[in-house]
Amino acid sequence: NYHVYILQSIKDKKYYIGCTSKQPLYRLKEHNSGMVTSTKNRRPFKLIWFQSFTNKKTAFKKEWFLKHPAGYQEKLQIIREYTGQ
C-alpha cells in the first residue's frame, strides 16, 4: 500500500504533503526524528490526514494534485475537516 499524508508543523503551523509506502505513523516518527532533510528544521509535526492507495501511480498523482493549484481547494477542505481550522 501507498499513503498520501498531510503533516502540520507545530513550530511554524505550515503543512507538508508527502507520499510513502511506509505506515503513516512510522513516517511521522521519521519526520519528527530529523531523518527527513526537507522537514528537519520545522519539527515537530503532527499527522493531520492520510489516504491509502493500492497503486503507487495513483498515490503519487494524488500527492501531486494536492501540492498544485488544481488541488488547492481540496487541500483546504481536508485541513478544515480534520483540524477544524
N, C-alpha and C. Protein backbone atom coordinates (compact mmCIF):
# COMPACT_ATOMS: atom_id res chain seq x y z
N ASN A 1 0.83 -1.20 0.00
CA ASN A 1 0.00 0.00 0.00
C ASN A 1 0.86 1.26 0.00
N TYR A 2 0.30 2.30 -0.53
CA TYR A 2 0.95 3.62 -0.54
C TYR A 2 0.02 4.59 0.15
N HIS A 3 0.61 5.58 0.78
CA HIS A 3 -0.17 6.53 1.57
C HIS A 3 0.23 7.96 1.21
N VAL A 4 -0.76 8.81 1.00
CA VAL A 4 -0.54 10.24 0.85
C VAL A 4 -0.94 10.83 2.19
N TYR A 5 -0.12 11.74 2.71
CA TYR A 5 -0.38 12.25 4.05
C TYR A 5 -0.13 13.75 4.12
N ILE A 6 -0.77 14.37 5.10
CA ILE A 6 -0.55 15.79 5.38
C ILE A 6 -0.11 15.91 6.83
N LEU A 7 1.01 16.56 7.03
CA LEU A 7 1.52 16.87 8.36
C LEU A 7 1.41 18.35 8.61
N GLN A 8 1.27 18.74 9.87
CA GLN A 8 1.34 20.15 10.23
C GLN A 8 2.50 20.33 11.20
N SER A 9 3.32 21.32 10.91
CA SER A 9 4.42 21.67 11.79
C SER A 9 3.85 22.39 13.01
N ILE A 10 4.18 21.90 14.18
CA ILE A 10 3.76 22.57 15.41
C ILE A 10 4.57 23.86 15.59
N LYS A 11 5.77 23.88 15.04
CA LYS A 11 6.67 25.02 15.15
C LYS A 11 6.19 26.22 14.33
N ASP A 12 5.90 26.00 13.02
CA ASP A 12 5.54 27.13 12.16
C ASP A 12 4.10 27.08 11.64
N LYS A 13 3.35 26.04 12.04
CA LYS A 13 1.92 25.87 11.67
C LYS A 13 1.69 25.61 10.18
N LYS A 14 2.75 25.44 9.39
CA LYS A 14 2.60 25.17 7.96
C LYS A 14 2.44 23.67 7.73
N TYR A 15 2.01 23.33 6.51
CA TYR A 15 1.70 21.95 6.18
C TYR A 15 2.73 21.35 5.25
N TYR A 16 2.85 20.03 5.35
CA TYR A 16 3.73 19.26 4.48
C TYR A 16 2.90 18.11 3.90
N ILE A 17 2.99 17.90 2.60
CA ILE A 17 2.29 16.81 1.95
C ILE A 17 3.33 15.83 1.43
N GLY A 18 3.12 14.54 1.72
CA GLY A 18 4.06 13.53 1.28
C GLY A 18 3.38 12.27 0.83
N CYS A 19 4.17 11.37 0.27
CA CYS A 19 3.68 10.07 -0.19
C CYS A 19 4.72 9.03 0.23
N THR A 20 4.24 7.88 0.72
CA THR A 20 5.15 6.86 1.22
C THR A 20 4.54 5.47 1.10
N SER A 21 5.40 4.48 1.11
CA SER A 21 4.94 3.09 1.18
C SER A 21 4.97 2.60 2.63
N LYS A 22 5.48 3.43 3.52
CA LYS A 22 5.54 3.09 4.95
C LYS A 22 4.23 3.47 5.62
N GLN A 23 3.99 2.93 6.78
CA GLN A 23 2.81 3.30 7.55
C GLN A 23 2.91 4.78 7.93
N PRO A 24 1.82 5.54 7.83
CA PRO A 24 1.87 6.98 8.10
C PRO A 24 2.42 7.34 9.49
N LEU A 25 2.08 6.59 10.52
CA LEU A 25 2.60 6.91 11.86
C LEU A 25 4.10 6.65 11.95
N TYR A 26 4.59 5.64 11.24
CA TYR A 26 6.03 5.39 11.20
C TYR A 26 6.73 6.53 10.46
N ARG A 27 6.12 6.96 9.36
CA ARG A 27 6.70 8.08 8.59
C ARG A 27 6.72 9.36 9.43
N LEU A 28 5.67 9.58 10.21
CA LEU A 28 5.64 10.73 11.12
C LEU A 28 6.82 10.69 12.08
N LYS A 29 7.11 9.51 12.62
CA LYS A 29 8.26 9.36 13.53
C LYS A 29 9.57 9.72 12.82
N GLU A 30 9.68 9.33 11.55
CA GLU A 30 10.88 9.68 10.79
C GLU A 30 11.00 11.20 10.62
N HIS A 31 9.90 11.85 10.30
CA HIS A 31 9.93 13.31 10.18
C HIS A 31 10.33 13.94 11.53
N ASN A 32 9.72 13.49 12.60
CA ASN A 32 9.97 14.09 13.92
C ASN A 32 11.35 13.78 14.48
N SER A 33 11.98 12.72 14.00
CA SER A 33 13.33 12.39 14.49
C SER A 33 14.42 13.11 13.70
N GLY A 34 14.03 13.83 12.63
CA GLY A 34 15.01 14.56 11.84
C GLY A 34 15.60 13.77 10.69
N MET A 35 15.04 12.60 10.40
CA MET A 35 15.56 11.76 9.32
C MET A 35 15.20 12.28 7.92
N VAL A 36 14.22 13.19 7.85
CA VAL A 36 13.79 13.73 6.56
C VAL A 36 14.37 15.14 6.41
N THR A 37 15.32 15.29 5.51
CA THR A 37 16.06 16.54 5.34
C THR A 37 15.13 17.73 5.08
N SER A 38 14.12 17.54 4.23
CA SER A 38 13.27 18.67 3.84
C SER A 38 12.41 19.21 4.98
N THR A 39 12.23 18.45 6.03
CA THR A 39 11.38 18.92 7.15
C THR A 39 12.15 19.04 8.47
N LYS A 40 13.41 18.78 8.44
CA LYS A 40 14.22 18.72 9.66
C LYS A 40 14.12 19.98 10.52
N ASN A 41 14.12 21.15 9.88
CA ASN A 41 14.11 22.41 10.63
C ASN A 41 12.71 22.87 11.05
N ARG A 42 11.69 22.10 10.71
CA ARG A 42 10.33 22.51 11.02
C ARG A 42 9.68 21.60 12.06
N ARG A 43 10.44 20.74 12.68
CA ARG A 43 9.93 19.79 13.68
C ARG A 43 9.47 20.51 14.93
N PRO A 44 8.54 19.91 15.68
CA PRO A 44 7.85 18.63 15.49
C PRO A 44 6.60 18.79 14.61
N PHE A 45 6.11 17.64 14.15
CA PHE A 45 4.92 17.58 13.30
C PHE A 45 3.84 16.75 13.95
N LYS A 46 2.61 17.00 13.49
CA LYS A 46 1.51 16.11 13.84
C LYS A 46 0.85 15.68 12.55
N LEU A 47 0.34 14.45 12.55
CA LEU A 47 -0.32 13.90 11.38
C LEU A 47 -1.75 14.43 11.34
N ILE A 48 -2.10 15.09 10.25
CA ILE A 48 -3.42 15.68 10.07
C ILE A 48 -4.35 14.70 9.36
N TRP A 49 -3.84 14.06 8.31
CA TRP A 49 -4.69 13.25 7.43
C TRP A 49 -3.83 12.31 6.61
N PHE A 50 -4.40 11.17 6.24
CA PHE A 50 -3.76 10.32 5.23
C PHE A 50 -4.82 9.55 4.47
N GLN A 51 -4.46 9.15 3.26
CA GLN A 51 -5.33 8.33 2.43
C GLN A 51 -4.48 7.21 1.86
N SER A 52 -5.01 6.00 1.87
CA SER A 52 -4.26 4.83 1.40
C SER A 52 -4.68 4.45 -0.02
N PHE A 53 -3.71 3.95 -0.76
CA PHE A 53 -3.91 3.52 -2.15
C PHE A 53 -3.22 2.18 -2.35
N THR A 54 -3.77 1.36 -3.23
CA THR A 54 -3.12 0.09 -3.55
C THR A 54 -2.17 0.23 -4.72
N ASN A 55 -2.22 1.36 -5.39
CA ASN A 55 -1.45 1.59 -6.59
C ASN A 55 -0.51 2.78 -6.40
N LYS A 56 0.77 2.58 -6.64
CA LYS A 56 1.78 3.63 -6.45
C LYS A 56 1.50 4.84 -7.34
N LYS A 57 1.17 4.60 -8.60
CA LYS A 57 0.94 5.69 -9.55
C LYS A 57 -0.23 6.57 -9.09
N THR A 58 -1.30 5.97 -8.64
CA THR A 58 -2.46 6.71 -8.16
C THR A 58 -2.11 7.54 -6.93
N ALA A 59 -1.34 6.97 -6.03
CA ALA A 59 -0.93 7.69 -4.82
C ALA A 59 -0.10 8.92 -5.17
N PHE A 60 0.87 8.76 -6.07
CA PHE A 60 1.72 9.89 -6.44
C PHE A 60 0.95 10.95 -7.22
N LYS A 61 -0.06 10.54 -7.98
CA LYS A 61 -0.91 11.52 -8.66
C LYS A 61 -1.69 12.35 -7.64
N LYS A 62 -2.19 11.70 -6.58
CA LYS A 62 -2.93 12.41 -5.53
C LYS A 62 -2.01 13.39 -4.81
N GLU A 63 -0.80 12.96 -4.49
CA GLU A 63 0.16 13.85 -3.84
C GLU A 63 0.42 15.07 -4.73
N TRP A 64 0.70 14.83 -6.00
CA TRP A 64 0.97 15.92 -6.93
C TRP A 64 -0.22 16.88 -6.98
N PHE A 65 -1.43 16.33 -7.08
CA PHE A 65 -2.65 17.14 -7.16
C PHE A 65 -2.78 18.06 -5.94
N LEU A 66 -2.57 17.50 -4.74
CA LEU A 66 -2.71 18.31 -3.52
C LEU A 66 -1.64 19.39 -3.39
N LYS A 67 -0.50 19.18 -4.02
CA LYS A 67 0.60 20.14 -3.94
C LYS A 67 0.50 21.26 -4.99
N HIS A 68 -0.42 21.14 -5.91
CA HIS A 68 -0.52 22.10 -7.01
C HIS A 68 -1.82 22.89 -6.97
N PRO A 69 -1.86 24.00 -7.69
CA PRO A 69 -3.04 24.87 -7.64
C PRO A 69 -4.37 24.17 -7.91
N ALA A 70 -4.37 23.18 -8.79
CA ALA A 70 -5.62 22.48 -9.10
C ALA A 70 -6.23 21.81 -7.86
N GLY A 71 -5.39 21.40 -6.93
CA GLY A 71 -5.87 20.71 -5.74
C GLY A 71 -5.95 21.57 -4.50
N TYR A 72 -5.74 22.87 -4.66
CA TYR A 72 -5.69 23.77 -3.50
C TYR A 72 -6.98 23.73 -2.67
N GLN A 73 -8.12 23.80 -3.34
CA GLN A 73 -9.39 23.81 -2.61
C GLN A 73 -9.62 22.49 -1.87
N GLU A 74 -9.25 21.38 -2.49
CA GLU A 74 -9.40 20.09 -1.83
C GLU A 74 -8.49 20.00 -0.61
N LYS A 75 -7.26 20.51 -0.76
CA LYS A 75 -6.33 20.52 0.37
C LYS A 75 -6.90 21.35 1.52
N LEU A 76 -7.43 22.51 1.21
CA LEU A 76 -8.04 23.36 2.26
C LEU A 76 -9.22 22.66 2.92
N GLN A 77 -10.03 21.97 2.11
CA GLN A 77 -11.18 21.26 2.66
C GLN A 77 -10.74 20.15 3.61
N ILE A 78 -9.71 19.40 3.25
CA ILE A 78 -9.18 18.35 4.11
C ILE A 78 -8.68 18.95 5.42
N ILE A 79 -7.91 20.03 5.33
CA ILE A 79 -7.35 20.67 6.53
C ILE A 79 -8.48 21.17 7.43
N ARG A 80 -9.49 21.81 6.85
CA ARG A 80 -10.62 22.29 7.65
C ARG A 80 -11.35 21.14 8.34
N GLU A 81 -11.60 20.08 7.59
CA GLU A 81 -12.35 18.94 8.10
C GLU A 81 -11.62 18.24 9.24
N TYR A 82 -10.32 18.10 9.13
CA TYR A 82 -9.56 17.33 10.10
C TYR A 82 -8.91 18.14 11.21
N THR A 83 -8.89 19.47 11.07
CA THR A 83 -8.30 20.29 12.12
C THR A 83 -9.31 21.27 12.71
N GLY A 84 -10.41 21.48 12.03
CA GLY A 84 -11.38 22.46 12.50
C GLY A 84 -10.97 23.89 12.22
N GLN A 85 -9.96 24.08 11.39
CA GLN A 85 -9.45 25.43 11.07
C GLN A 85 -10.11 25.98 9.83
